[in-house]
Amino acid sequence: MADWRIEYDILDREVANAALSKNARFVAAKWRRDNSLDRDVIVFKIQRTVPAGEQTRYKKFIGMTQRNPIITPLPVAVRRHAGHILGKDLTAFKLAKLHKTDEDYILLGYQKANDYSQFHFGAGEASIIEMVTRIEAADNEALILIEEIENGLHPVATERMVEYLIGAAERKRLQVIFTTHSEYALKKLPPEAIWACIDGEAYQGRLSIDSLRAITGGGEKERVIFVEDDFAVDWVEDILRQYDMKALAATEIHAAGGYPYLISVAEHHNKNPSISKRAIAVVDGDQPIAASGKILKLPGEIPESEVYGYISENAQSLSSLVQQRCQCPNLSQDEIVKAIKKAEIDTTDPHLIFRTLGECLGFMSEIVVRRGMISIYDERNKSSVQSLAKSLVAFVRDDN
């Protein structure tokens, strides 16, 4: 870490109304900080999932039943939140200390008619209860740091743990930072809360595991296309399917987050000398950037509005196709036209319009509906997609 320097801004209303700029430097093999401020910082290291029987701090609890331990119930908030994460009733769970003033404690569980100590807990069970206990006891505005949040947890528990952290952050004004290799830990987070570190560079935005593999050359196909979201993935995939199936077979398409993040991701991919396959970025039509050899744009402005607007304007003539592609044969064509118009009136957020239409069509899958509508748009509105289709096929077919 020689010559490392970290700069950051921090708010402390007792000191100043504006953000304070601070820094830390690694000088002479040690960190030096300028005028550090007091803040409750709680760190959950990977060792939290090591079984109690293998941790030195718990050895003093061996044979504790002979020493009259002090036993108290889990706090109500801990029972509620940890119980929801684990999916079990923690009403009978307790904490045991050897002395009233001790900070160390061991957990006591209960299942049917049997009591058992933390020495027999699952690693994930114990770590969840410990994390929730310490977070609930933390000061407001505390900083919570968690290493590999998914370690020892079922995917459902991982999602629920992140949901709990979001709620705790809002309720206690906490700042929470965790590392993860799991997409389950990212599902509930907005794109701006997610950062991926790729070869020493940080990228903000939602990147799937597949897209990360593509960035670092881990994919199997010849070309990579990065787009903003799942709707754009479906659209670009359908364009290639209709115009050149071989090009589609040779291409990976990944959602890499919003503009301008996917531009940076594509640039990093192409600059990596260890990767032979080239990448291109396809941004939404409303982004303030001109199309070029390495950046293409979807038709229209907001992609969902572009596709839906065309279908709505031509609803009468396209209703039979909608009936077929959206898999709703039990609805008449007149009912389909009414559903298209109703969903357009009822939805203010264009990103939700296909979900609304699916509900109007008899609770059809949003994915089926949007893919069906995209295929109709590409098939019947070729003048709008032809230029993009030619550029995509040329990119995939180019041998350079």
Protein backbone atom coordinates (compact mmCIF):
# COMPACT_ATOMS: atom_id res chain seq x y z
CA MET A 1 0.00 0.00 0.00
CA ALA A 2 3.01 2.31 -0.31
CA ASP A 3 1.95 5.79 -1.43
CA TRP A 4 -1.78 4.98 -1.18
CA ARG A 5 -4.02 7.92 -0.43
CA ILE A 6 -7.77 7.90 0.23
CA GLU A 7 -9.84 11.08 0.02
CA TYR A 8 -13.44 11.30 1.20
CA ASP A 9 -16.14 13.75 2.25
CA ILE A 10 -18.01 13.41 5.52
CA LEU A 11 -20.92 15.25 7.13
CA ASP A 12 -20.77 16.24 10.80
CA ARG A 13 -23.43 18.82 11.69
CA GLU A 14 -21.76 19.52 15.03
CA VAL A 15 -18.63 20.70 13.22
CA ALA A 16 -19.92 22.30 10.00
CA ASN A 17 -23.02 22.53 7.81
CA ALA A 18 -21.14 21.57 4.65
CA ALA A 19 -19.25 18.38 3.82
CA LEU A 20 -15.76 18.13 5.28
CA SER A 21 -12.93 16.86 3.08
CA LYS A 22 -10.68 14.32 4.78
CA ASN A 23 -7.86 12.04 3.70
CA ALA A 24 -5.86 9.06 4.90
CA ARG A 25 -2.34 8.18 3.74
CA PHE A 26 -0.25 5.03 4.05
CA VAL A 27 3.11 6.43 5.10
CA ALA A 28 6.02 4.51 6.66
CA ALA A 29 4.00 1.27 6.70
CA LYS A 30 1.11 2.72 8.69
CA TRP A 31 -2.08 4.69 8.04
CA ARG A 32 -2.18 8.37 9.00
CA ARG A 33 -5.44 10.32 9.07
CA ASP A 34 -6.00 14.04 9.39
CA ASN A 35 -8.29 15.09 12.24
CA SER A 36 -10.43 11.98 12.27
CA LEU A 37 -13.99 12.37 13.52
CA ASP A 38 -15.79 10.16 16.00
CA ARG A 39 -18.19 7.68 14.42
CA ASP A 40 -19.59 4.31 15.43
CA VAL A 41 -18.06 1.82 12.97
CA ILE A 42 -19.03 -1.86 13.05
CA VAL A 43 -17.08 -4.39 11.01
CA PHE A 44 -18.34 -7.91 10.28
CA LYS A 45 -15.42 -9.96 9.04
CA ILE A 46 -15.56 -13.27 7.20
CA GLN A 47 -14.57 -15.02 10.45
CA ARG A 48 -18.13 -14.49 11.75
CA THR A 49 -19.17 -17.70 9.99
CA VAL A 50 -16.49 -19.84 11.65
CA PRO A 51 -18.26 -22.33 13.99
CA ALA A 52 -18.23 -21.32 17.65
CA GLY A 53 -16.28 -24.45 18.59
CA GLU A 54 -13.36 -23.23 16.46
CA GLN A 55 -13.22 -19.67 17.86
CA THR A 56 -11.05 -18.92 20.88
CA ARG A 57 -13.46 -16.36 22.34
CA TYR A 58 -16.14 -19.02 22.86
CA LYS A 59 -13.98 -21.60 24.64
CA LYS A 60 -14.66 -19.99 28.01
CA PHE A 61 -18.33 -20.92 27.60
CA ILE A 62 -17.60 -24.67 27.55
CA GLY A 63 -19.27 -26.18 30.61
CA MET A 64 -20.99 -22.89 31.41
CA THR A 65 -24.08 -24.65 32.82
CA GLN A 66 -22.02 -25.43 35.92
CA ARG A 67 -21.20 -21.73 36.42
CA ASN A 68 -24.68 -20.18 36.68
CA PRO A 69 -24.60 -18.06 33.51
CA ILE A 70 -26.74 -14.95 33.20
CA ILE A 71 -29.40 -15.69 30.59
CA THR A 72 -31.56 -13.04 28.94
CA PRO A 73 -34.00 -13.22 26.01
CA LEU A 74 -33.03 -11.86 22.63
CA PRO A 75 -34.17 -8.24 22.24
CA VAL A 76 -37.60 -7.98 20.60
CA ALA A 77 -36.25 -6.14 17.53
CA VAL A 78 -33.55 -8.78 17.04
CA ARG A 79 -36.09 -11.62 17.30
CA ARG A 80 -38.32 -9.93 14.74
CA HIS A 81 -35.73 -8.95 12.15
CA ALA A 82 -33.40 -11.97 12.45
CA GLY A 83 -36.40 -14.30 12.55
CA HIS A 84 -37.71 -12.87 9.27
CA ILE A 85 -34.30 -13.24 7.62
CA LEU A 86 -33.90 -16.84 8.79
CA GLY A 87 -37.54 -17.75 8.32
CA LYS A 88 -37.95 -19.15 11.83
CA ASP A 89 -39.44 -18.23 15.20
CA LEU A 90 -36.72 -16.94 17.55
CA THR A 91 -39.03 -16.27 20.51
CA ALA A 92 -37.31 -18.88 22.71
CA PHE A 93 -33.75 -17.91 21.71
CA LYS A 94 -31.59 -16.32 24.42
CA LEU A 95 -28.22 -14.75 25.19
CA ALA A 96 -25.92 -16.19 27.87
CA LYS A 97 -23.12 -14.28 29.65
CA LEU A 98 -20.77 -15.49 32.36
CA HIS A 99 -20.84 -12.10 34.12
CA LYS A 100 -23.30 -9.24 33.87
CA THR A 101 -20.68 -6.75 32.68
CA ASP A 102 -19.23 -9.03 29.97
CA GLU A 103 -19.41 -7.92 26.36
CA ASP A 104 -19.00 -11.47 25.07
CA TYR A 105 -22.04 -13.72 24.99
CA ILE A 106 -23.11 -17.00 23.45
CA LEU A 107 -26.45 -17.75 21.82
CA LEU A 108 -28.89 -20.34 23.11
CA GLY A 109 -31.40 -21.83 20.70
CA TYR A 110 -34.56 -23.86 21.06
CA GLN A 111 -36.14 -26.41 18.77
CA LYS A 112 -39.23 -28.32 19.81
CA ALA A 113 -38.37 -29.62 23.31
CA ASN A 114 -34.59 -29.26 23.05
CA ASP A 115 -32.30 -26.41 24.06
CA TYR A 116 -28.95 -26.10 22.33
CA SER A 117 -26.06 -23.64 22.44
CA GLN A 118 -24.26 -21.75 19.69
CA PHE A 119 -21.77 -24.63 19.52
CA HIS A 120 -24.51 -26.45 17.59
CA PHE A 121 -25.78 -23.51 15.49
CA GLY A 122 -25.41 -23.33 11.75
CA ALA A 123 -22.80 -20.73 10.74
CA GLY A 124 -25.33 -18.63 8.85
CA GLU A 125 -27.87 -18.76 11.68
CA ALA A 126 -25.37 -17.49 14.25
CA SER A 127 -23.91 -14.79 11.99
CA ILE A 128 -27.34 -13.36 11.12
CA ILE A 129 -28.39 -13.09 14.76
CA GLU A 130 -25.04 -11.53 15.70
CA MET A 131 -25.15 -8.99 12.87
CA VAL A 132 -28.73 -7.94 13.60
CA THR A 133 -27.97 -7.70 17.33
CA ARG A 134 -24.99 -5.41 16.79
CA ILE A 135 -26.69 -3.30 14.11
CA GLU A 136 -29.78 -2.74 16.28
CA ALA A 137 -27.49 -1.67 19.14
CA ALA A 138 -25.42 0.65 16.92
CA ASP A 139 -25.63 4.43 17.10
CA ASN A 140 -27.64 6.30 14.50
CA GLU A 141 -25.48 7.38 11.52
CA ALA A 142 -23.12 4.44 12.17
CA LEU A 143 -20.99 2.92 9.40
CA ILE A 144 -21.61 -0.80 8.87
CA LEU A 145 -19.02 -2.84 6.92
CA ILE A 146 -19.78 -6.45 5.98
CA GLU A 147 -17.39 -8.79 4.20
CA GLU A 148 -19.02 -11.27 1.79
CA ILE A 149 -22.55 -10.85 3.06
CA GLU A 150 -23.78 -14.08 1.45
CA ASN A 151 -21.25 -16.28 3.26
CA GLY A 152 -23.03 -19.19 4.95
CA LEU A 153 -26.49 -18.01 3.85
CA HIS A 154 -29.22 -19.50 1.70
CA PRO A 155 -30.01 -17.25 -1.34
CA VAL A 156 -33.40 -16.34 0.17
CA ALA A 157 -31.73 -15.38 3.47
CA THR A 158 -29.20 -13.30 1.53
CA GLU A 159 -32.01 -11.32 -0.15
CA ARG A 160 -33.82 -10.84 3.16
CA MET A 161 -30.62 -9.72 4.87
CA VAL A 162 -30.16 -6.99 2.26
CA GLU A 163 -33.82 -5.98 2.67
CA TYR A 164 -33.20 -5.67 6.42
CA LEU A 165 -30.09 -3.52 5.84
CA ILE A 166 -32.03 -1.18 3.54
CA GLY A 167 -34.72 -0.79 6.20
CA ALA A 168 -32.17 -0.31 8.98
CA ALA A 169 -30.32 2.29 6.92
CA GLU A 170 -33.52 4.29 6.47
CA ARG A 171 -34.65 3.82 10.06
CA LYS A 172 -31.32 4.52 11.79
CA ARG A 173 -29.71 6.66 9.02
CA LEU A 174 -26.90 4.12 8.68
CA GLN A 175 -24.33 3.89 5.94
CA VAL A 176 -23.87 0.25 4.92
CA ILE A 177 -21.16 -1.13 2.65
CA PHE A 178 -20.87 -4.84 1.89
CA THR A 179 -18.90 -6.97 -0.54
CA THR A 180 -20.44 -9.92 -2.35
CA HIS A 181 -20.04 -12.43 -5.16
CA SER A 182 -23.77 -13.17 -5.19
CA GLU A 183 -26.40 -11.67 -7.50
CA TYR A 184 -29.00 -12.46 -4.83
CA ALA A 185 -27.40 -9.78 -2.66
CA LEU A 186 -27.84 -7.20 -5.44
CA LYS A 187 -31.48 -7.87 -6.39
CA LYS A 188 -33.00 -5.34 -4.00
CA LEU A 189 -30.46 -2.57 -4.59
CA PRO A 190 -30.85 0.33 -7.04
CA PRO A 191 -28.12 0.48 -9.74
CA GLU A 192 -26.47 3.53 -8.17
CA ALA A 193 -25.83 1.55 -4.98
CA ILE A 194 -23.79 -1.12 -6.81
CA TRP A 195 -20.11 -0.83 -7.65
CA ALA A 196 -18.04 -3.44 -9.49
CA CYS A 197 -14.25 -3.47 -9.34
CA ILE A 198 -12.71 -4.66 -12.59
CA ASP A 199 -8.91 -4.83 -12.83
CA GLY A 200 -8.47 -1.99 -10.35
CA GLU A 201 -11.16 0.27 -11.81
CA ALA A 202 -14.55 0.86 -10.18
CA TYR A 203 -17.76 0.96 -12.22
CA GLN A 204 -21.09 2.10 -10.83
CA GLY A 205 -24.26 0.35 -11.94
CA ARG A 206 -25.92 -3.04 -12.04
CA LEU A 207 -23.68 -5.64 -13.65
CA SER A 208 -24.77 -9.28 -13.76
CA ILE A 209 -22.31 -12.09 -13.15
CA ASP A 210 -22.56 -12.98 -16.86
CA SER A 211 -21.74 -9.42 -17.89
CA LEU A 212 -18.74 -9.35 -15.52
CA ARG A 213 -17.49 -12.56 -17.11
CA ALA A 214 -17.90 -10.98 -20.54
CA ILE A 215 -15.96 -7.86 -19.48
CA THR A 216 -13.02 -9.96 -18.34
CA GLY A 217 -13.12 -12.26 -21.34
CA GLY A 218 -14.85 -15.18 -19.64
CA GLY A 219 -17.63 -15.58 -22.21
CA GLU A 220 -17.66 -18.14 -24.99
CA LYS A 221 -18.94 -16.14 -28.00
CA GLU A 222 -17.14 -13.97 -30.54
CA ARG A 223 -18.72 -10.56 -29.85
CA VAL A 224 -20.24 -8.77 -26.86
CA ILE A 225 -22.98 -6.14 -26.86
CA PHE A 226 -23.59 -4.12 -23.70
CA VAL A 227 -26.97 -2.44 -23.22
CA GLU A 228 -28.64 -0.59 -20.36
CA ASP A 229 -31.31 -2.99 -19.06
CA ASP A 230 -33.29 -6.19 -19.65
CA PHE A 231 -35.72 -4.50 -22.05
CA ALA A 232 -32.81 -3.44 -24.26
CA VAL A 233 -31.40 -6.99 -24.09
CA ASP A 234 -34.70 -8.35 -25.43
CA TRP A 235 -34.88 -5.70 -28.14
CA VAL A 236 -31.33 -6.12 -29.48
CA GLU A 237 -31.69 -9.90 -29.33
CA ASP A 238 -34.90 -9.79 -31.36
CA ILE A 239 -33.39 -7.47 -33.96
CA LEU A 240 -30.50 -9.89 -34.52
CA ARG A 241 -32.90 -12.84 -34.54
CA GLN A 242 -34.98 -11.26 -37.31
CA TYR A 243 -32.08 -9.95 -39.38
CA ASP A 244 -29.25 -12.46 -38.93
CA MET A 245 -29.57 -15.61 -36.81
CA LYS A 246 -25.88 -16.48 -37.27
CA ALA A 247 -24.90 -13.08 -35.89
CA LEU A 248 -27.13 -13.68 -32.87
CA ALA A 249 -25.55 -17.08 -32.28
CA ALA A 250 -22.10 -15.47 -32.22
CA THR A 251 -23.03 -12.67 -29.81
CA GLU A 252 -23.45 -12.22 -26.07
CA ILE A 253 -25.84 -9.45 -25.01
CA HIS A 254 -25.61 -8.15 -21.45
CA ALA A 255 -27.35 -5.49 -19.38
CA ALA A 256 -24.53 -3.41 -17.91
CA GLY A 257 -26.44 -0.60 -16.18
CA GLY A 258 -27.46 2.84 -17.29
CA TYR A 259 -25.63 5.47 -19.31
CA PRO A 260 -22.78 6.38 -19.04
CA TYR A 261 -21.70 3.27 -17.11
CA LEU A 262 -22.12 0.82 -19.95
CA ILE A 263 -19.91 3.06 -22.15
CA SER A 264 -17.11 2.73 -19.59
CA VAL A 265 -17.67 -1.01 -19.33
CA ALA A 266 -17.43 -1.48 -23.11
CA GLU A 267 -14.32 0.71 -23.32
CA HIS A 268 -12.62 -1.23 -20.55
CA HIS A 269 -13.43 -4.50 -22.30
CA ASN A 270 -11.92 -3.32 -25.59
CA LYS A 271 -8.77 -1.96 -23.91
CA ASN A 272 -8.03 -5.26 -22.18
CA PRO A 273 -5.15 -6.81 -24.20
CA SER A 274 -5.99 -10.32 -22.96
CA ILE A 275 -9.43 -10.28 -24.60
CA SER A 276 -9.70 -10.93 -28.33
CA LYS A 277 -13.47 -10.55 -28.68
CA ARG A 278 -14.63 -6.97 -29.22
CA ALA A 279 -17.53 -5.19 -27.55
CA ILE A 280 -19.93 -2.42 -28.48
CA ALA A 281 -22.38 -0.35 -26.44
CA VAL A 282 -26.02 0.20 -27.44
CA VAL A 283 -27.57 3.06 -25.46
CA ASP A 284 -31.17 4.21 -25.18
CA GLY A 285 -32.26 6.73 -27.79
CA ASP A 286 -32.70 9.57 -25.29
CA GLN A 287 -29.07 9.57 -24.13
CA PRO A 288 -27.03 12.72 -24.92
CA ILE A 289 -24.41 11.04 -27.06
CA ALA A 290 -24.05 10.63 -30.81
CA ALA A 291 -23.94 7.21 -32.41
CA SER A 292 -20.48 6.17 -33.62
CA GLY A 293 -18.51 3.10 -34.57
CA LYS A 294 -18.37 1.92 -30.94
CA ILE A 295 -21.67 3.32 -29.68
CA LEU A 296 -25.07 2.61 -31.23
CA LYS A 297 -28.50 3.93 -30.23
CA LEU A 298 -31.91 2.28 -30.01
CA PRO A 299 -34.73 3.86 -32.06
CA GLY A 300 -36.81 6.63 -30.53
CA GLU A 301 -36.16 8.05 -27.09
CA ILE A 302 -37.42 5.93 -24.18
CA PRO A 303 -37.30 2.34 -25.55
CA GLU A 304 -40.47 1.14 -23.82
CA SER A 305 -42.43 4.16 -25.03
CA GLU A 306 -41.12 3.76 -28.58
CA VAL A 307 -42.27 0.16 -28.90
CA TYR A 308 -45.55 0.59 -27.04
CA GLY A 309 -46.39 3.83 -28.84
CA TYR A 310 -46.11 2.14 -32.24
CA ILE A 311 -48.31 -0.78 -31.14
CA SER A 312 -50.89 1.57 -29.62
CA GLU A 313 -51.06 3.78 -32.73
CA ASN A 314 -51.67 0.70 -34.88
CA ALA A 315 -53.66 -1.32 -32.34
CA GLN A 316 -56.56 -2.09 -34.68
CA SER A 317 -54.43 -3.59 -37.44
CA LEU A 318 -51.99 -5.32 -35.07
CA SER A 319 -54.49 -6.76 -32.57
CA SER A 320 -54.44 -10.24 -34.12
CA LEU A 321 -50.64 -10.34 -33.87
CA VAL A 322 -50.78 -9.16 -30.27
CA GLN A 323 -53.30 -11.92 -29.57
CA GLN A 324 -50.87 -14.47 -31.00
CA ARG A 325 -47.53 -13.17 -29.69
CA CYS A 326 -48.80 -12.33 -26.21
CA GLN A 327 -50.50 -15.71 -25.89
CA CYS A 328 -54.03 -14.54 -25.10
CA PRO A 329 -56.31 -16.42 -27.56
CA ASN A 330 -59.30 -16.21 -25.20
CA LEU A 331 -59.53 -12.44 -25.66
CA SER A 332 -61.23 -10.95 -28.70
CA GLN A 333 -59.34 -8.48 -30.86
CA ASP A 334 -61.61 -5.67 -29.64
CA GLU A 335 -60.79 -6.57 -26.03
CA ILE A 336 -57.08 -6.52 -26.85
CA VAL A 337 -57.36 -3.03 -28.38
CA LYS A 338 -59.18 -1.81 -25.27
CA ALA A 339 -56.51 -3.38 -23.03
CA ILE A 340 -53.72 -1.64 -24.97
CA LYS A 341 -55.43 1.76 -24.62
CA LYS A 342 -56.31 1.19 -20.96
CA ALA A 343 -52.75 0.26 -19.99
CA GLU A 344 -51.46 3.37 -21.76
CA ILE A 345 -53.86 5.58 -19.79
CA ASP A 346 -53.27 3.85 -16.45
CA THR A 347 -49.44 3.86 -16.54
CA THR A 348 -47.38 6.98 -15.93
CA ASP A 349 -44.01 5.21 -15.78
CA PRO A 350 -43.15 3.80 -19.23
CA HIS A 351 -40.90 1.17 -17.63
CA LEU A 352 -44.00 -0.42 -16.06
CA ILE A 353 -46.31 -0.30 -19.04
CA PHE A 354 -45.78 -3.91 -20.19
CA ARG A 355 -46.49 -5.18 -16.68
CA THR A 356 -49.72 -3.19 -16.68
CA LEU A 357 -50.68 -4.51 -20.12
CA GLY A 358 -50.00 -8.06 -18.94
CA GLU A 359 -52.48 -7.53 -16.12
CA CYS A 360 -55.04 -6.09 -18.53
CA LEU A 361 -54.63 -9.11 -20.82
CA GLY A 362 -55.56 -11.53 -18.04
CA PHE A 363 -52.43 -11.37 -15.85
CA MET A 364 -50.05 -12.53 -18.54
CA SER A 365 -46.31 -12.60 -17.85
CA GLU A 366 -44.64 -9.20 -18.34
CA ILE A 367 -41.73 -10.92 -20.08
CA VAL A 368 -44.01 -12.70 -22.58
CA VAL A 369 -45.89 -9.48 -23.30
CA ARG A 370 -42.87 -7.24 -23.82
CA ARG A 371 -41.05 -9.79 -25.99
CA GLY A 372 -44.18 -10.30 -28.07
CA MET A 373 -44.61 -6.56 -28.58
CA ILE A 374 -40.94 -6.10 -29.44
CA SER A 375 -41.14 -8.81 -32.10
CA ILE A 376 -44.19 -7.13 -33.66
CA TYR A 377 -42.44 -3.74 -33.69
CA ASP A 378 -39.29 -5.15 -35.35
CA GLU A 379 -41.28 -7.12 -37.90
CA ARG A 380 -43.79 -4.42 -38.91
CA ASN A 381 -41.70 -1.28 -38.44
CA LYS A 382 -38.53 -2.22 -40.30
CA SER A 383 -37.72 1.35 -41.33
CA SER A 384 -37.09 2.27 -37.69
CA VAL A 385 -34.75 -0.63 -36.88
CA GLN A 386 -33.06 -1.26 -40.21
CA SER A 387 -30.15 1.13 -39.64
CA LEU A 388 -29.41 -0.29 -36.17
CA ALA A 389 -29.79 -3.85 -37.46
CA LYS A 390 -27.26 -3.27 -40.26
CA SER A 391 -24.76 -1.72 -37.80
CA LEU A 392 -25.16 -4.60 -35.35
CA VAL A 393 -24.71 -7.25 -38.03
CA ALA A 394 -21.70 -5.41 -39.47
CA PHE A 395 -20.12 -5.28 -35.99
CA VAL A 396 -20.61 -9.00 -35.44
CA ARG A 397 -19.48 -9.96 -38.94
CA ASP A 398 -16.41 -7.70 -38.98
CA ASP A 399 -13.26 -9.83 -38.74
CA ASN A 400 -11.04 -6.97 -37.56
